[in-house]
């Protein structure tokens, strides 16, 4: 299990690690099936904190502090680690619709695990139908991404694609509008209606959305700064996604 800290082995084994009480509890709550849990590793002190583990008694193992350090790679592990099978989700058009229309989030080179995990959890909160990512985006099963998502990986269909532009073009052909945040865009509050099917693209933290993706955009939207002069260069990627999802899901 120790080698699941590395993407190469996560891909080979089609598994990932969830660390911490909150993350593991959330993953167990939305477990697609009992086989999706491979093993739970608990310190003696943590067993009483996770009563849900009782249902998986045959997969629960007691682990000492030294092995927890190897499993988690963190300096202060909480004594709870789960090994889970990676879910396999179909492309957007093969997934059930959760609302009146379609709302999909695309990650374009989002490299920070904290941002990627937070965006995934935020998209799930607002009722998005799916999330997909292209090359250059951090692995969604990176332990730091899993932790920042607070265990939301079973709560929202997600998948990766070899070419973000190819997937966006495919969705456009199926009636989706592509929305990109841009400093050259129009104040998002000025729009009174949105496409029934839409993809919100969230770009790289430093460079924004790539030119190839921008060329496919049906709308460029701007989140304007507040009163007074510009005090910071830009919003955090996950904050921008939350602001726009709040409006798009109305």
Protein backbone atom coordinates (compact mmCIF):
# COMPACT_ATOMS: atom_id res chain seq x y z
CA UNK A 1 0.00 0.00 0.00
CA UNK A 2 2.92 2.35 0.62
CA UNK A 3 3.63 2.73 -3.08
CA UNK A 4 0.14 4.19 -3.74
CA UNK A 5 1.71 7.52 -2.83
CA UNK A 6 3.08 7.45 -6.40
CA UNK A 7 0.88 7.98 -9.47
CA UNK A 8 2.57 5.20 -11.43
CA UNK A 9 1.40 2.61 -8.94
CA UNK A 10 -2.00 4.18 -8.40
CA UNK A 11 -2.60 3.83 -12.14
CA UNK A 12 -1.30 0.27 -12.20
CA UNK A 13 -3.37 -0.88 -9.24
CA UNK A 14 -6.34 1.40 -10.03
CA UNK A 15 -6.43 2.36 -6.37
CA UNK A 16 -5.88 5.41 -4.18
CA UNK A 17 -5.38 6.35 -0.53
CA UNK A 18 -7.67 8.49 1.60
CA UNK A 19 -6.15 10.01 4.73
CA UNK A 20 -7.76 11.45 7.84
CA UNK A 21 -10.99 10.86 9.73
CA UNK A 22 -13.18 13.28 7.77
CA UNK A 23 -11.93 12.18 4.36
CA UNK A 24 -12.27 8.45 5.02
CA UNK A 25 -15.69 8.87 6.64
CA UNK A 26 -16.97 10.78 3.58
CA UNK A 27 -15.57 8.17 1.21
CA UNK A 28 -17.24 5.37 3.18
CA UNK A 29 -20.53 7.28 3.21
CA UNK A 30 -20.62 7.44 -0.60
CA UNK A 31 -18.95 4.11 -1.33
CA UNK A 32 -20.30 2.78 -4.68
CA UNK A 33 -20.16 -0.76 -3.29
CA UNK A 34 -18.39 -2.80 -0.61
CA UNK A 35 -15.70 -3.89 -3.06
CA UNK A 36 -14.67 -0.24 -3.54
CA UNK A 37 -12.99 -0.41 -0.15
CA UNK A 38 -9.81 -2.47 -0.16
CA UNK A 39 -8.57 -1.90 3.39
CA UNK A 40 -8.80 0.41 6.41
CA UNK A 41 -5.71 1.10 8.48
CA UNK A 42 -6.40 2.45 11.95
CA UNK A 43 -4.30 3.31 14.95
CA UNK A 44 -5.57 1.87 18.24
CA UNK A 45 -6.72 5.34 19.32
CA UNK A 46 -8.67 5.93 16.10
CA UNK A 47 -10.81 2.80 16.15
CA UNK A 48 -13.34 4.38 18.50
CA UNK A 49 -13.55 7.51 16.32
CA UNK A 50 -14.69 5.63 13.22
CA UNK A 51 -17.60 3.37 14.18
CA UNK A 52 -18.39 2.97 10.46
CA UNK A 53 -15.37 0.65 10.28
CA UNK A 54 -17.34 -2.04 12.11
CA UNK A 55 -19.23 -2.82 8.89
CA UNK A 56 -15.91 -3.66 7.18
CA UNK A 57 -14.32 -5.60 10.02
CA UNK A 58 -12.61 -8.10 7.74
CA UNK A 59 -10.79 -5.24 5.97
CA UNK A 60 -9.65 -3.34 9.07
CA UNK A 61 -6.03 -3.50 10.18
CA UNK A 62 -4.32 -2.03 13.22
CA UNK A 63 -1.19 -0.07 12.29
CA UNK A 64 1.55 1.44 14.44
CA UNK A 65 2.89 5.01 14.20
CA UNK A 66 5.93 4.12 12.09
CA UNK A 67 3.83 2.44 9.40
CA UNK A 68 1.38 5.36 9.37
CA UNK A 69 4.21 7.72 8.55
CA UNK A 70 5.11 5.51 5.58
CA UNK A 71 1.49 5.22 4.44
CA UNK A 72 0.60 8.89 4.59
CA UNK A 73 3.81 10.81 4.03
CA UNK A 74 2.52 13.42 6.51
CA UNK A 75 4.23 14.46 9.72
CA UNK A 76 1.09 14.23 11.85
CA UNK A 77 -1.17 11.46 10.52
CA UNK A 78 -4.59 11.21 12.18
CA UNK A 79 -4.47 7.46 12.52
CA UNK A 80 -7.00 6.76 9.75
CA UNK A 81 -6.09 5.67 6.21
CA UNK A 82 -8.24 3.88 3.66
CA UNK A 83 -7.22 2.16 0.45
CA UNK A 84 -9.97 2.43 -2.19
CA UNK A 85 -10.52 1.31 -5.75
CA UNK A 86 -10.66 4.11 -8.29
CA UNK A 87 -14.18 4.55 -9.68
CA UNK A 88 -14.71 4.33 -13.42
CA UNK A 89 -17.12 6.89 -14.84
CA UNK A 90 -18.50 7.19 -18.36
CA UNK A 91 -18.16 10.34 -20.50
CA UNK A 92 -20.59 13.17 -19.78
CA UNK A 93 -23.31 12.25 -22.29
CA UNK A 94 -23.62 8.75 -20.86
CA UNK A 95 -24.22 9.97 -17.30
CA UNK A 96 -27.64 10.62 -15.75
CA UNK A 97 -28.75 14.24 -15.48
CA UNK A 98 -29.01 15.47 -11.88
CA UNK A 99 -30.80 18.73 -12.68
CA UNK A 100 -32.88 20.34 -15.39
CA UNK A 101 -29.88 20.85 -17.67
CA UNK A 102 -26.27 19.82 -17.82
CA UNK A 103 -23.49 21.46 -15.85
CA UNK A 104 -19.96 20.19 -16.33
CA UNK A 105 -16.64 21.48 -15.00
CA UNK A 106 -13.37 21.11 -16.96
CA UNK A 107 -9.91 21.59 -15.45
CA UNK A 108 -7.33 23.05 -17.80
CA UNK A 109 -3.86 22.63 -16.30
CA UNK A 110 -4.93 23.07 -12.67
CA UNK A 111 -1.73 21.96 -10.96
CA UNK A 112 -2.34 22.63 -7.29
CA UNK A 113 -3.83 19.60 -5.48
CA UNK A 114 -5.63 21.90 -3.04
CA UNK A 115 -7.36 23.76 -5.86
CA UNK A 116 -8.30 20.64 -7.81
CA UNK A 117 -9.74 18.89 -4.77
CA UNK A 118 -11.64 21.96 -3.62
CA UNK A 119 -13.10 22.53 -7.09
CA UNK A 120 -14.28 18.93 -7.26
CA UNK A 121 -15.99 19.19 -3.87
CA UNK A 122 -17.51 22.58 -4.76
CA UNK A 123 -18.85 21.22 -8.06
CA UNK A 124 -20.44 18.33 -6.19
CA UNK A 125 -21.98 20.75 -3.67
CA UNK A 126 -23.59 22.87 -6.38
CA UNK A 127 -24.97 19.84 -8.20
CA UNK A 128 -22.73 19.67 -11.25
CA UNK A 129 -23.15 16.53 -13.36
CA UNK A 130 -19.48 15.76 -13.90
CA UNK A 131 -15.91 17.03 -13.92
CA UNK A 132 -13.16 16.16 -16.36
CA UNK A 133 -9.52 17.15 -16.67
CA UNK A 134 -6.95 17.31 -19.40
CA UNK A 135 -3.17 16.97 -19.55
CA UNK A 136 -1.28 19.17 -17.11
CA UNK A 137 -3.90 18.91 -14.37
CA UNK A 138 -2.84 17.24 -11.14
CA UNK A 139 -3.89 13.63 -10.63
CA UNK A 140 -7.26 13.65 -8.85
CA UNK A 141 -6.09 10.62 -6.83
CA UNK A 142 -3.01 12.39 -5.52
CA UNK A 143 -3.25 12.04 -1.71
CA UNK A 144 -3.23 15.83 -1.31
CA UNK A 145 -6.05 16.21 -3.85
CA UNK A 146 -8.07 13.49 -2.12
CA UNK A 147 -7.54 15.23 1.22
CA UNK A 148 -8.51 18.69 -0.10
CA UNK A 149 -11.64 17.21 -1.68
CA UNK A 150 -12.56 15.97 1.81
CA UNK A 151 -13.42 12.59 0.35
CA UNK A 152 -15.72 13.75 -2.47
CA UNK A 153 -14.32 11.48 -5.17
CA UNK A 154 -17.30 9.13 -5.01
CA UNK A 155 -19.77 12.04 -4.94
CA UNK A 156 -19.17 13.45 -8.43
CA UNK A 157 -18.55 11.59 -11.70
CA UNK A 158 -15.10 12.52 -13.03
CA UNK A 159 -12.68 11.37 -15.68
CA UNK A 160 -9.55 12.48 -17.51
CA UNK A 161 -9.04 12.98 -21.24
CA UNK A 162 -5.97 12.94 -23.46
CA UNK A 163 -7.01 16.16 -25.19
CA UNK A 164 -9.11 18.82 -23.51
CA UNK A 165 -9.84 20.58 -26.80
CA UNK A 166 -11.04 17.35 -28.45
CA UNK A 167 -13.43 16.67 -25.57
CA UNK A 168 -14.73 20.24 -25.61
CA UNK A 169 -15.28 20.09 -29.36
CA UNK A 170 -17.18 16.83 -28.91
CA UNK A 171 -19.39 18.40 -26.26
CA UNK A 172 -19.97 21.49 -28.40
CA UNK A 173 -21.23 19.22 -31.16
CA UNK A 174 -23.67 17.79 -28.61
CA UNK A 175 -25.08 21.18 -27.76
CA UNK A 176 -22.87 22.35 -24.92
CA UNK A 177 -21.81 25.96 -24.48
CA UNK A 178 -18.21 26.46 -23.34
CA UNK A 179 -17.72 29.17 -20.73
CA UNK A 180 -14.25 30.49 -19.88
CA UNK A 181 -13.21 33.04 -17.30
CA UNK A 182 -11.08 35.77 -18.87
CA UNK A 183 -9.89 39.30 -18.10
CA UNK A 184 -11.13 40.10 -21.61
CA UNK A 185 -14.58 38.76 -20.81
CA UNK A 186 -17.88 40.38 -19.92
CA UNK A 187 -19.02 40.83 -16.32
CA UNK A 188 -20.72 37.52 -15.54
CA UNK A 189 -23.49 39.33 -13.64
CA UNK A 190 -24.67 40.98 -16.86
CA UNK A 191 -25.80 37.69 -18.39
CA UNK A 192 -29.48 37.02 -17.82
CA UNK A 193 -29.51 33.52 -19.27
CA UNK A 194 -27.10 30.65 -19.73
CA UNK A 195 -27.01 27.67 -22.10
CA UNK A 196 -29.04 24.70 -20.88
CA UNK A 197 -25.96 22.56 -21.44
CA UNK A 198 -22.72 24.19 -20.37
CA UNK A 199 -19.10 23.50 -19.53
CA UNK A 200 -17.26 25.80 -17.13
CA UNK A 201 -13.51 25.70 -17.79
CA UNK A 202 -11.19 26.48 -14.87
CA UNK A 203 -7.67 27.41 -15.95
CA UNK A 204 -4.13 27.13 -14.67
CA UNK A 205 -3.33 29.10 -11.51
CA UNK A 206 -0.55 31.15 -13.12
CA UNK A 207 -1.34 31.21 -16.84
CA UNK A 208 -5.11 30.94 -16.93
CA UNK A 209 -6.91 29.08 -19.70
CA UNK A 210 -4.83 27.89 -22.65
CA UNK A 211 -5.23 29.61 -26.01
CA UNK A 212 -6.56 26.47 -27.70
CA UNK A 213 -9.37 26.18 -25.17
CA UNK A 214 -10.12 29.91 -25.29
CA UNK A 215 -10.60 29.64 -29.04
CA UNK A 216 -13.48 27.22 -28.40
CA UNK A 217 -15.22 29.45 -25.86
CA UNK A 218 -18.80 30.51 -26.54
CA UNK A 219 -18.62 33.07 -23.75
CA UNK A 220 -15.76 34.76 -21.98
CA UNK A 221 -16.84 35.82 -18.51
CA UNK A 222 -15.19 38.19 -16.07
CA UNK A 223 -15.44 38.23 -12.28
CA UNK A 224 -15.02 41.95 -11.55
CA UNK A 225 -13.11 43.19 -8.53
CA UNK A 226 -14.93 45.02 -5.77
CA UNK A 227 -14.97 48.65 -4.78
CA UNK A 228 -11.78 50.66 -5.07
CA UNK A 229 -8.71 49.89 -7.13
CA UNK A 230 -7.34 46.46 -7.95
CA UNK A 231 -5.52 45.22 -4.86
CA UNK A 232 -4.59 41.70 -5.99
CA UNK A 233 -3.73 40.26 -9.39
CA UNK A 234 -6.38 37.56 -9.49
CA UNK A 235 -8.67 35.25 -7.53
CA UNK A 236 -7.66 31.78 -6.43
CA UNK A 237 -8.76 29.20 -9.03
CA UNK A 238 -11.06 27.37 -6.64
CA UNK A 239 -12.63 30.62 -5.43
CA UNK A 240 -13.31 31.69 -9.02
CA UNK A 241 -14.92 28.34 -9.73
CA UNK A 242 -17.16 28.69 -6.67
CA UNK A 243 -18.28 32.21 -7.61
CA UNK A 244 -19.21 31.16 -11.14
CA UNK A 245 -20.84 27.88 -10.12
CA UNK A 246 -23.05 29.77 -7.70
CA UNK A 247 -24.36 31.87 -10.58
CA UNK A 248 -24.50 29.12 -13.19
CA UNK A 249 -26.48 26.72 -11.00
CA UNK A 250 -29.25 29.23 -10.20
